Protein backbone atom coordinates (compact mmCIF):
# COMPACT_ATOMS: atom_id res chain seq x y z
CA MET A 1 -4.65 26.83 10.04
CA ASN A 2 -3.08 26.49 13.49
CA LEU A 3 -4.09 27.68 16.92
CA SER A 4 -1.65 29.73 18.90
CA HIS A 5 0.56 27.93 21.39
CA HIS A 6 -1.27 29.22 24.47
CA ILE A 7 -4.63 28.01 23.13
CA LEU A 8 -3.23 24.56 22.39
CA MET A 9 -1.81 24.33 25.91
CA GLY A 10 -5.12 25.32 27.39
CA ILE A 11 -7.51 23.01 25.58
CA ILE A 12 -8.67 21.19 28.70
CA ILE A 13 -9.42 24.40 30.57
CA SER A 14 -11.11 25.96 27.56
CA PHE A 15 -13.75 23.20 27.47
CA PHE A 16 -15.69 25.24 30.02
CA VAL A 17 -15.74 28.37 27.88
CA SER A 18 -16.03 26.92 24.37
CA ASN A 19 -18.81 27.74 21.94
CA THR A 20 -19.86 24.10 21.60
CA MET A 21 -19.05 20.98 23.62
CA VAL A 22 -19.37 17.55 21.98
CA GLN A 23 -20.14 14.48 24.07
CA ALA A 24 -17.36 11.96 24.75
CA SER A 25 -17.01 9.06 22.30
CA ASN A 26 -15.12 5.77 22.20
CA VAL A 27 -13.29 4.86 19.01
CA GLY A 28 -10.95 2.01 18.13
CA LYS A 29 -7.30 2.66 17.39
CA TRP A 30 -6.77 3.09 13.63
CA ARG A 31 -10.52 3.58 13.12
CA ARG A 32 -11.92 6.78 11.71
CA TYR A 33 -13.87 9.06 14.03
CA VAL A 34 -15.87 11.85 12.39
CA VAL A 35 -16.38 15.21 14.06
CA LEU A 36 -19.65 16.62 12.70
CA LEU A 37 -20.13 20.40 12.46
CA GLU A 38 -23.21 22.30 11.26
CA ASN A 39 -23.78 25.81 10.00
CA ASP A 40 -26.87 26.81 8.01
CA THR A 41 -25.95 30.49 7.70
CA TYR A 42 -22.80 30.36 5.56
CA ASP A 43 -23.48 31.98 2.17
CA GLY A 44 -20.18 31.45 0.30
CA ASN A 45 -18.92 28.39 -1.53
CA PRO A 46 -18.88 25.88 1.34
CA PHE A 47 -16.19 23.75 -0.32
CA GLU A 48 -13.79 26.69 -0.10
CA LEU A 49 -14.36 27.35 3.61
CA GLU A 50 -11.51 25.88 5.62
CA VAL A 51 -11.95 24.23 8.98
CA ASP A 52 -9.26 22.33 10.88
CA GLY A 53 -9.37 20.06 13.88
CA ILE A 54 -6.55 19.88 16.43
CA PHE A 55 -6.51 16.55 18.27
CA THR A 56 -4.30 16.17 21.33
CA HIS A 57 -3.38 12.98 23.17
CA ALA A 58 -3.59 13.70 26.89
CA ALA A 59 -0.86 11.36 28.15
CA SER A 60 1.83 12.13 25.57
CA GLY A 61 0.90 15.65 24.49
CA THR A 62 1.03 14.51 20.82
CA SER A 63 -0.98 16.91 18.65
CA ILE A 64 -2.48 16.14 15.23
CA THR A 65 -3.97 18.81 12.96
CA LEU A 66 -6.36 17.63 10.26
CA PRO A 67 -8.24 19.50 7.52
CA GLY A 68 -12.02 19.24 7.45
CA TYR A 69 -14.31 19.17 4.43
CA TYR A 70 -17.79 20.17 3.37
CA ALA A 71 -20.09 17.13 3.29
CA GLY A 72 -23.32 18.70 2.00
CA LYS A 73 -26.56 19.82 3.67
CA ASN A 74 -24.82 22.54 5.73
CA LYS A 75 -22.50 20.01 7.36
CA TRP A 76 -18.74 19.95 7.64
CA LYS A 77 -16.75 16.94 8.86
CA ILE A 78 -13.26 16.17 10.17
CA GLY A 79 -12.10 12.56 9.91
CA PHE A 80 -9.73 11.72 12.77
CA MET A 81 -7.81 8.45 13.21
CA PRO A 82 -6.41 7.96 16.73
CA ASN A 83 -3.00 6.31 16.63
CA ARG A 84 -2.52 6.07 20.41
CA ILE A 85 -4.61 4.40 23.09
CA GLY A 86 -6.11 6.68 25.75
CA GLU A 87 -7.84 10.02 26.08
CA TRP A 88 -7.79 12.61 23.30
CA THR A 89 -9.33 16.05 23.12
CA PHE A 90 -10.12 18.12 20.06
CA VAL A 91 -10.84 21.71 19.20
CA THR A 92 -11.77 23.16 15.82
CA CYS A 93 -10.39 26.26 14.13
CA SER A 94 -12.10 28.17 11.32
CA SER A 95 -12.66 31.71 10.12
CA ASP A 96 -16.38 30.99 10.39
CA PRO A 97 -17.47 31.57 14.01
CA ASN A 98 -20.07 28.78 13.93
CA LEU A 99 -17.39 26.22 13.08
CA ASN A 100 -14.71 27.64 15.34
CA ARG A 101 -13.76 26.33 18.80
CA VAL A 102 -16.02 23.29 18.84
CA MET A 103 -14.50 20.97 21.45
CA GLY A 104 -14.84 17.52 22.88
CA PRO A 105 -13.13 14.41 24.29
CA ILE A 106 -12.44 11.10 22.52
CA ASN A 107 -11.42 7.85 24.17
CA CYS A 108 -9.28 5.55 22.02
CA VAL A 109 -9.44 1.80 22.70
CA GLU A 110 -7.84 -1.23 21.06
CA SER A 111 -9.35 -2.30 17.75
CA GLY A 112 -7.21 -5.22 16.62
CA LEU A 113 -6.46 -3.49 13.30
CA PRO A 114 -2.90 -3.79 11.98
CA GLY A 115 -2.41 -0.04 11.60
CA MET A 116 -0.77 1.87 8.78
CA LEU A 117 1.12 0.26 5.92
CA THR A 118 4.33 2.21 5.81
CA ALA A 119 8.11 1.99 6.12
CA ASP A 120 9.46 0.08 9.09
CA PRO A 121 11.14 2.82 11.17
CA ASN A 122 13.96 0.42 12.11
CA ASN A 123 14.45 -0.96 8.58
CA PRO A 124 13.25 1.81 6.28
CA LYS A 125 13.33 -0.19 3.03
CA LYS A 126 10.82 -2.70 4.41
CA TRP A 127 7.03 -2.46 4.29
CA LYS A 128 5.38 -3.06 7.65
CA PHE A 129 2.08 -2.52 9.42
CA THR A 130 2.63 -0.24 12.39
CA ASP A 131 0.90 -2.71 14.73
CA GLY A 132 1.52 -5.81 12.65
CA ASN A 133 3.83 -7.79 10.42
CA HIS A 134 6.31 -7.09 7.68
CA VAL A 135 4.68 -7.80 4.34
CA VAL A 136 5.15 -7.93 0.61
CA PRO A 137 2.21 -5.60 -0.26
CA MET A 138 -0.17 -6.86 -2.93
CA ALA A 139 -2.41 -4.36 -4.72
CA PHE A 140 -4.99 -4.92 -7.46
CA ARG A 141 -6.14 -2.25 -9.85
CA MET A 142 -9.86 -1.64 -9.37
CA GLU A 143 -11.36 1.72 -10.21
CA PHE A 144 -13.66 1.64 -7.21
CA PHE A 145 -13.78 5.41 -6.88
CA PHE A 146 -16.02 5.72 -9.93
CA GLU A 147 -17.24 2.21 -10.78
CA PRO A 148 -20.91 1.70 -9.83
CA ALA A 149 -21.64 -1.33 -7.65
CA SER A 150 -23.80 -2.13 -4.65
CA THR A 151 -22.48 -2.23 -1.11
CA LEU A 152 -22.89 -6.02 -1.12
CA GLU A 153 -20.91 -6.35 -4.34
CA PHE A 154 -18.06 -4.22 -3.07
CA THR A 155 -18.07 -6.06 0.26
CA ALA A 156 -17.74 -9.36 -1.63
CA ALA A 157 -14.74 -7.97 -3.53
CA ALA A 158 -13.13 -6.83 -0.27
CA ASP A 159 -13.74 -10.22 1.33
CA PHE A 160 -12.10 -11.93 -1.64
CA LEU A 161 -9.11 -9.58 -1.41
CA LYS A 162 -8.66 -10.41 2.27
CA ASN A 163 -9.46 -14.12 2.31
CA GLY A 164 -9.13 -15.34 -1.26
CA VAL A 165 -5.92 -13.48 -2.14
CA LYS A 166 -4.63 -12.37 1.27
CA GLY A 167 -3.80 -9.08 -0.42
CA HIS A 168 -3.75 -5.57 0.99
CA MET A 169 -5.05 -2.85 -1.33
CA PHE A 170 -7.10 -1.90 -4.33
CA GLU A 171 -5.53 0.73 -6.56
CA THR A 172 -7.98 3.34 -7.77
CA ARG A 173 -7.73 6.55 -9.75
CA LEU A 174 -9.80 9.65 -9.24
CA THR A 175 -10.21 10.24 -12.97
CA ASP A 176 -11.22 7.74 -15.66
CA GLU A 177 -9.17 7.93 -18.83
CA ASN A 178 -11.68 5.86 -20.83
CA GLY A 179 -15.01 7.31 -19.76
CA TRP A 180 -16.72 3.93 -19.57
CA TYR A 181 -19.20 4.88 -16.85
CA GLY A 182 -21.68 7.39 -18.19
CA GLY A 183 -19.07 8.92 -20.46
CA ARG A 184 -17.46 10.74 -17.55
CA ASN A 185 -13.71 11.16 -17.22
CA ASP A 186 -13.75 13.32 -14.09
CA TYR A 187 -15.43 12.24 -10.87
CA ILE A 188 -13.74 14.62 -8.45
CA PHE A 189 -15.99 17.61 -9.09
CA SER A 190 -19.63 17.74 -10.08
CA GLY A 191 -19.51 19.66 -13.34
CA SER A 192 -16.70 22.03 -14.26
CA TRP A 193 -13.59 22.18 -12.11
CA ILE A 194 -13.84 25.96 -12.07
CA ASN A 195 -17.05 25.81 -10.01
CA HIS A 196 -15.29 24.07 -7.10
CA THR A 197 -18.28 21.84 -6.37
CA PHE A 198 -17.21 18.35 -5.38
CA ASP A 199 -19.37 15.35 -6.29
CA ILE A 200 -20.53 14.55 -2.75
CA ALA A 201 -22.39 11.36 -3.68
CA ILE A 202 -19.25 9.87 -5.24
CA TRP A 203 -17.11 10.91 -2.27
CA ASP A 204 -19.62 9.56 0.27
CA ARG A 205 -19.58 6.25 -1.56
CA MET A 206 -15.79 6.32 -1.49
CA GLU A 207 -15.86 6.74 2.30
CA GLU A 208 -18.31 3.85 2.64
CA ARG A 209 -15.99 1.64 0.62
CA MET A 210 -12.95 2.76 2.61
CA GLU A 211 -14.79 1.79 5.80
CA ILE A 212 -15.45 -1.67 4.36
CA LEU A 213 -11.76 -2.04 3.52
CA THR A 214 -10.58 -0.72 6.89
CA GLU A 215 -12.78 -3.15 8.81
CA ARG A 216 -10.85 -5.95 7.08
CA GLY A 217 -7.38 -4.49 7.58
CA LEU A 218 -7.26 -3.41 3.92
CA GLY A 219 -6.85 -0.12 2.11
CA ALA A 220 -6.30 1.78 -1.12
CA HIS A 221 -3.53 3.09 -3.32
CA VAL A 222 -4.99 6.35 -4.64
CA MET A 223 -3.68 7.80 -7.89
CA PHE A 224 -5.07 11.30 -8.28
CA TYR A 225 -4.99 11.51 -12.06
CA SER A 226 -4.80 9.32 -15.11
CA ASP A 227 -3.42 10.01 -18.54
CA ASP A 228 -4.95 11.16 -21.81
CA ALA A 229 -8.69 11.85 -21.44
CA GLY A 230 -8.54 11.31 -17.71
CA LYS A 231 -6.10 14.14 -17.12
CA HIS A 232 -7.44 16.74 -14.72
CA GLY A 233 -9.01 19.88 -16.14
CA ARG A 234 -6.98 22.61 -14.45
CA GLY A 235 -3.32 23.51 -14.56
CA GLY A 236 -0.93 22.08 -12.05
CA ARG A 237 -0.09 24.09 -8.90
CA SER A 238 -3.26 26.17 -9.18
CA ILE A 239 -5.76 27.21 -6.50
CA THR A 240 -8.09 24.52 -7.80
CA GLU A 241 -5.34 21.94 -7.64
CA ALA A 242 -4.57 22.81 -4.03
CA LEU A 243 -8.27 22.57 -3.18
CA VAL A 244 -8.47 19.08 -4.72
CA ILE A 245 -5.47 17.86 -2.73
CA ARG A 246 -6.87 19.32 0.49
CA TYR A 247 -10.25 17.70 -0.09
CA VAL A 248 -8.75 14.27 -0.85
CA ILE A 249 -6.55 14.38 2.26
CA ALA A 250 -9.49 15.56 4.39
CA ARG A 251 -11.64 12.69 3.15
CA LEU A 252 -9.03 9.90 3.25
CA ALA A 253 -6.24 10.66 5.72
CA GLY A 254 -8.35 9.23 8.54
CA TYR A 255 -7.93 5.71 7.13
CA PRO A 256 -4.81 3.73 8.03
CA ILE A 257 -3.94 2.05 4.73
CA VAL A 258 -3.79 4.74 2.05
CA LEU A 259 -0.99 5.43 -0.42
CA PHE A 260 -1.14 8.79 -2.20
CA ASN A 261 0.23 9.13 -5.74
CA THR A 262 0.11 11.81 -8.44
CA GLY A 263 -0.94 9.25 -11.03
CA ILE A 264 0.56 8.49 -14.40
CA ASP A 265 1.60 10.30 -17.59
CA ILE A 266 0.46 13.70 -16.31
CA SER A 267 2.08 16.50 -18.27
CA GLU A 268 1.67 18.97 -15.41
CA TYR A 269 3.81 16.72 -13.22
CA ARG A 270 6.50 15.68 -15.64
CA LEU A 271 8.48 18.72 -14.58
CA GLY A 272 10.14 18.25 -11.23
CA ALA A 273 8.68 21.41 -9.70
CA GLY A 274 5.11 20.16 -10.24
CA ILE A 275 5.78 16.78 -8.68
CA ASP A 276 7.62 18.30 -5.72
CA TRP A 277 4.78 20.79 -5.17
CA PHE A 278 2.23 17.97 -5.16
CA GLY A 279 4.22 16.03 -2.58
CA ALA A 280 4.74 19.10 -0.42
CA GLN A 281 0.98 19.80 -0.38
CA ILE A 282 0.23 16.28 0.84
CA GLU A 283 3.05 16.38 3.39
CA SER A 284 1.80 19.64 4.87
CA LEU A 285 -1.82 18.44 5.20
CA ASP A 286 -1.34 14.83 6.29
CA PRO A 287 -0.16 14.56 9.92
CA TYR A 288 -0.01 10.75 9.74
CA ASN A 289 2.65 10.78 7.01
CA HIS A 290 0.91 8.24 4.80
CA SER A 291 3.06 6.89 1.97
CA ARG A 292 3.24 9.30 -0.97
CA SER A 293 4.95 9.18 -4.35
CA SER A 294 4.68 9.94 -8.06
CA ARG A 295 4.82 6.94 -10.32
CA HIS A 296 7.78 7.03 -12.68
CA GLY A 297 9.05 4.76 -15.41
CA GLY A 298 6.96 2.96 -18.00
CA GLY A 299 5.27 5.79 -19.88
CA SER A 300 5.59 8.31 -17.05
CA GLY A 301 9.10 9.61 -17.48
CA ARG A 302 11.86 9.55 -14.89
CA ILE A 303 11.13 12.57 -12.68
CA ILE A 304 11.30 11.64 -9.00
CA MET A 305 9.42 13.49 -6.24
CA ASP A 306 11.88 15.11 -3.81
CA ASN A 307 9.83 14.41 -0.68
CA GLN A 308 8.37 11.02 -1.55
CA ASN A 309 8.55 8.29 1.08
CA PHE A 310 8.07 5.27 -1.15
CA ASN A 311 9.28 4.44 -4.64
CA SER A 312 6.42 4.05 -7.12
CA ASP A 313 8.23 2.28 -9.95
CA GLY A 314 6.47 1.85 -13.30
CA GLU A 315 8.75 -0.59 -15.12
CA ARG A 316 6.46 -3.06 -16.81
CA THR A 317 8.39 -6.30 -16.97
CA ALA A 318 8.70 -8.72 -14.08
CA SER A 319 12.42 -9.29 -14.51
CA ILE A 320 14.32 -9.72 -11.29
CA TYR A 321 16.75 -7.04 -12.49
CA ASN A 322 13.98 -4.41 -12.62
CA ILE A 323 12.42 -5.56 -9.36
CA LYS A 324 15.74 -5.48 -7.53
CA GLN A 325 16.59 -2.09 -9.02
CA ALA A 326 13.34 -0.68 -7.63
CA PHE A 327 14.27 -2.00 -4.18
CA ASP A 328 17.84 -0.70 -4.34
CA ASP A 329 17.18 2.81 -5.67
CA TYR A 330 16.11 4.57 -2.46
CA ASN A 331 16.24 4.19 1.29
CA PHE A 332 12.50 3.63 1.59
CA PRO A 333 10.10 0.92 0.40
CA ALA A 334 9.31 0.25 -3.24
CA ASN A 335 6.18 -0.68 -5.15
CA CYS A 336 6.11 -2.05 -8.70
CA ASP A 337 3.08 0.00 -9.75
CA ASP A 338 2.48 -0.63 -13.44
CA ALA A 339 4.08 -3.98 -13.89
CA TRP A 340 1.87 -6.99 -14.16
CA GLY A 341 -1.30 -7.36 -16.19
CA GLU A 342 -2.87 -10.78 -15.75
CA ASN A 343 -3.83 -12.04 -19.22
CA TYR A 344 -3.65 -8.47 -20.47
CA GLY A 345 -3.38 -9.45 -24.12
CA SER A 346 -4.12 -6.02 -25.59
CA HIS A 347 -0.93 -4.54 -24.14
CA SER A 348 2.05 -6.82 -24.75
CA SER A 349 4.46 -5.02 -22.41
CA LYS A 350 2.07 -5.60 -19.49
CA ASP A 351 0.79 -9.05 -20.47
CA HIS A 352 1.72 -11.61 -17.81
CA THR A 353 0.52 -15.13 -17.26
CA PRO A 354 -0.83 -15.91 -13.79
CA ALA A 355 2.31 -18.02 -13.24
CA ASP A 356 4.50 -15.04 -14.16
CA ILE A 357 2.66 -12.98 -11.55
CA ARG A 358 3.26 -15.68 -8.95
CA ARG A 359 6.97 -15.65 -9.71
CA ALA A 360 7.01 -11.83 -9.75
CA PHE A 361 5.85 -11.64 -6.14
CA TRP A 362 8.40 -14.25 -5.06
CA LYS A 363 11.03 -12.09 -6.78
CA CYS A 364 9.68 -9.13 -4.76
CA THR A 365 10.22 -11.25 -1.66
CA ILE A 366 13.73 -12.45 -2.50
CA VAL A 367 15.11 -8.97 -3.33
CA GLY A 368 14.02 -7.78 0.12
CA GLY A 369 10.32 -6.97 0.08
CA ASN A 370 8.86 -4.86 -2.76
CA GLY A 371 5.15 -4.40 -3.18
CA GLY A 372 3.49 -5.15 -6.50
CA LEU A 373 0.41 -4.26 -8.52
CA VAL A 374 -1.71 -6.66 -10.58
CA ARG A 375 -3.77 -5.24 -13.40
CA GLY A 376 -6.83 -7.00 -14.78
CA GLY A 377 -7.65 -8.12 -18.27
CA GLY A 378 -10.79 -10.16 -18.04
CA ASN A 379 -13.86 -8.12 -17.15
CA GLY A 380 -15.14 -7.74 -20.68
CA LEU A 381 -14.19 -4.13 -21.34
CA PRO A 382 -11.78 -3.39 -24.19
CA ASP A 383 -8.20 -2.67 -23.13
CA ASP A 384 -9.40 -2.15 -19.58
CA GLY A 385 -6.37 -2.94 -17.45
CA TYR A 386 -8.35 -3.25 -14.24
CA PHE A 387 -10.60 -5.63 -12.36
CA SER A 388 -14.31 -4.95 -12.11
CA ILE A 389 -15.81 -4.87 -8.61
CA LYS A 390 -18.44 -7.42 -9.61
CA GLN A 391 -16.04 -9.80 -11.36
CA PHE A 392 -12.90 -9.59 -9.20
CA GLY A 393 -13.35 -13.00 -7.58
CA VAL A 394 -13.95 -14.60 -10.98
CA ASP A 395 -11.37 -12.86 -13.15
CA LEU A 396 -8.29 -13.07 -10.93
CA GLU A 397 -6.54 -16.37 -11.61
CA SER A 398 -3.30 -16.02 -9.66
CA GLU A 399 -4.96 -15.76 -6.24
CA GLN A 400 -4.45 -19.49 -5.59
CA TRP A 401 -0.69 -18.85 -5.46
CA LEU A 402 -0.53 -15.26 -4.23
CA LYS A 403 -2.39 -16.17 -1.04
CA LEU A 404 0.53 -18.43 -0.02
CA ILE A 405 3.25 -15.78 0.00
CA ASN A 406 2.58 -13.50 2.97
CA PRO A 407 1.50 -16.36 5.27
CA PHE A 408 4.83 -17.99 4.41
CA ILE A 409 6.67 -14.78 5.31
CA GLU A 410 4.74 -14.43 8.58
CA GLU A 411 4.95 -18.06 9.69
CA LYS A 412 8.40 -19.10 8.42
CA LEU A 413 10.39 -15.85 8.54
CA GLY A 414 8.53 -13.72 11.10
CA ASP A 415 10.28 -10.61 12.39
CA THR A 416 13.54 -11.86 10.87
CA PHE A 417 12.20 -10.87 7.45
CA GLY A 418 12.56 -7.24 8.54
CA VAL A 419 16.36 -7.55 8.65
CA MET A 420 16.90 -9.97 5.77
CA ALA A 421 18.83 -8.72 2.75
CA PHE A 422 19.70 -9.92 -0.75
CA ASN A 423 22.87 -12.03 -0.65
CA LYS A 424 24.89 -13.31 -3.61
CA SER A 425 27.51 -15.21 -1.62
CA LEU A 426 25.43 -18.16 -0.41
CA VAL A 427 24.28 -19.66 -3.70
CA CYS A 428 25.57 -20.54 -7.13
CA GLY A 429 23.26 -21.65 -9.91
CA THR A 430 21.20 -20.47 -12.82
CA LYS A 431 18.38 -18.14 -11.79
CA CYS A 432 18.58 -18.87 -8.06
CA TYR A 433 18.69 -15.99 -5.57
CA CYS A 434 19.15 -15.72 -1.83
CA LEU A 435 17.89 -13.60 1.09
CA THR A 436 19.26 -13.83 4.63
CA ASP A 437 19.75 -11.94 7.87
CA GLN A 438 23.22 -10.89 9.02
CA SER A 439 23.50 -13.74 11.55
CA LYS A 440 22.40 -16.29 8.92
CA THR A 441 19.66 -17.68 11.17
CA LYS A 442 17.36 -18.00 8.17
CA ILE A 443 18.45 -18.39 4.56
CA LEU A 444 15.77 -18.17 1.87
CA TYR A 445 16.37 -19.23 -1.73
CA PHE A 446 14.10 -18.68 -4.72
CA LEU A 447 14.68 -20.74 -7.87
CA ILE A 448 12.91 -18.99 -10.73
CA GLY A 449 12.84 -22.12 -12.91
CA GLU A 450 12.93 -22.46 -16.67
CA ASN A 451 9.36 -21.38 -17.51
CA ASP A 452 9.52 -17.70 -16.52
CA THR A 453 8.82 -15.24 -19.34
CA TYR A 454 11.08 -12.47 -18.04
CA ASP A 455 13.99 -14.51 -16.66
CA PRO A 456 14.17 -17.48 -19.03
CA GLY A 457 16.40 -20.46 -18.36
CA GLY A 458 17.31 -22.02 -15.07
CA GLY A 459 15.75 -25.13 -13.63
CA GLY A 460 19.01 -26.99 -12.99
CA ASN A 461 21.07 -27.82 -9.92
CA ILE A 462 22.12 -25.15 -7.45
CA THR A 463 25.04 -24.98 -5.04
CA VAL A 464 24.12 -23.94 -1.51
CA LYS A 465 27.31 -22.39 -0.13
CA LEU A 466 27.55 -22.99 3.60
CA SER A 467 31.31 -23.47 3.75
CA GLY A 468 31.84 -20.24 5.65
CA LEU A 469 29.11 -20.91 8.21
CA SER A 470 28.91 -22.95 11.41
CA GLY A 471 26.02 -24.80 12.99
CA THR A 472 23.42 -26.91 11.23
CA TYR A 473 20.37 -26.00 9.21
CA ASN A 474 17.03 -27.65 8.77
CA ALA A 475 16.21 -27.46 5.05
CA ILE A 476 12.76 -27.61 3.50
CA TRP A 477 11.39 -27.28 0.00
CA PHE A 478 8.29 -25.10 -0.25
CA ASN A 479 6.13 -25.56 -3.32
CA PRO A 480 4.84 -22.10 -4.36
CA ARG A 481 2.08 -23.69 -6.44
CA THR A 482 0.53 -25.89 -3.74
CA GLY A 483 1.83 -24.62 -0.41
CA ALA A 484 3.19 -28.09 0.40
CA GLU A 485 6.55 -28.40 2.12
CA SER A 486 8.95 -31.28 2.53
CA ASN A 487 12.41 -31.96 3.98
CA VAL A 488 12.54 -35.58 2.87
CA GLU A 489 15.22 -35.00 0.26
CA LEU A 490 17.29 -32.53 2.26
CA GLY A 491 17.00 -33.02 6.00
CA ILE A 492 19.84 -31.37 7.89
CA LEU A 493 22.68 -29.44 6.24
CA ALA A 494 25.79 -28.69 8.28
CA GLY A 495 27.81 -25.52 7.99
CA GLY A 496 31.37 -25.85 6.78
CA SER A 497 30.44 -27.43 3.43
CA ASN A 498 28.83 -26.58 0.14
CA TYR A 499 25.97 -28.70 -1.23
CA VAL A 500 24.92 -29.36 -4.78
CA ILE A 501 21.14 -29.68 -4.70
CA SER A 502 18.69 -30.80 -7.35
CA PRO A 503 15.30 -29.06 -7.16
CA PRO A 504 12.22 -31.30 -7.36
CA ASP A 505 11.63 -30.23 -10.98
CA LYS A 506 12.46 -27.40 -13.36
CA ASP A 507 9.64 -25.08 -12.26
CA ASP A 508 9.99 -22.36 -9.60
CA TRP A 509 10.75 -23.47 -6.03
CA VAL A 510 11.41 -21.96 -2.62
CA LEU A 511 14.10 -23.39 -0.34
CA LEU A 512 14.33 -22.35 3.32
CA LEU A 513 17.25 -23.11 5.65
CA THR A 514 16.69 -22.46 9.36
CA LEU A 515 19.60 -22.54 11.84
CA GLN A 516 19.18 -25.23 14.49
CA ILE A 517 20.22 -24.91 18.13
CA THR A 518 21.66 -28.43 18.31
CA THR A 519 24.13 -29.92 15.84
CA SER A 520 23.78 -33.08 13.81
CA SER A 521 25.67 -34.82 11.03
CA PRO A 522 24.46 -33.99 7.53
CA SER A 523 21.81 -36.30 6.14
CA SER A 524 20.46 -35.66 2.67
CA ASN A 525 20.44 -36.56 -0.97
CA ALA A 526 22.39 -33.39 -1.60
CA SER A 527 26.02 -34.05 -2.45
CA ASN A 528 28.94 -32.17 -0.90
CA GLY A 529 30.55 -29.95 -3.44
């Protein structure tokens, strides 16, 4: 619903004649502020009653319209996330007079949060926080929408994600294909879908967990549906389907780091019209333009959502060919969303060693900046494919290496990473790849090494091709297993020559060349070639 233009222009004046005036509140930028509405006289299905909130930024005139939702006990809520500092005002709109034209001011202050994880507007294939750094997003499959756990247990998992892994998201689904928790497959509604009664306790717990994640600058990749037994119970593009999408957006759009996805292997969405409809529903309801997609590849077919704004690629191997293809396919960021199962022995196509996962994320870095998903295999459930909330810090083995990658990007590459692109012309050697900016101020090499499952071979000498460049470069080896760095064997490399370089051993290595302001004669154990 939308207010007419003259009402929107007159919000400030209409405060004095509104039905209800809410007291002013302070809220941090990128934090969720909840407008609470009450009505104890409504006698229809409260989940079907629509209420919207129109939030207007006083200084810029920016207006955001958000759907509200029924929260139980005769209460409706609207979850607003201010994305600009300063004064905001809001007014509600509903066919129910008790929920209509409730108004109030909101003051947005700095919060220190990094903002939304989305495409860099200046370099649309790159992932970036709106108020933060470029990143290689790291997500971990954890069905936290329906898995029981205490607040303390979930908080511990979130702390490990932030500090132990330095990751960004948990991936959760809203249906459980295996029915491991109380035999339920569907957690969206309480009882039959046809009754349109959402499971409020589950959704309230979801909001609590999203708050815990947001406080830490983390978020969620939300897949609406799962395959097989977890497939939703009503046909695609139905009234019920639209209600589900509206309710999910109303509950979750007020959090900064949320990716919306149809889910996997859903027959209703394997036709293009169903996928496009799903994306259009989200686009029309979500004023923040969170990332949205429909996972394709793997077992999900090859139908692509017309209005997606990130590429959810389901190829399961961690070959650099597949990872680069996901980056190249579209002019927006890519996620490898069904690729890497750590010690996932029951599913050979997804079974990766922790070392393979380490190399997979460095491949994501070297192709330009894909995100990636790690599935679990060690929480004791058969063929689970996800990490348990209670066991996440114990079961994940690759965190010791994954936590090195984004700090390296932030500290060594910085904003330059946003304009760096895959480059074949600056290196020659088996399984060695290069990323650089147009001015060649930073040149990053990744040597996959000879132990990788999906790109076997390599491990020998490489030729760093600087013959067409001027200036001098400081060269360092970065060990992706320990985080140690050294320039003892390389030192300074001058442009105008090529250099044959021997890596420290035949495992994977990272080599960074940084252009120096002053020149110096080459000094290294690398030989001119």
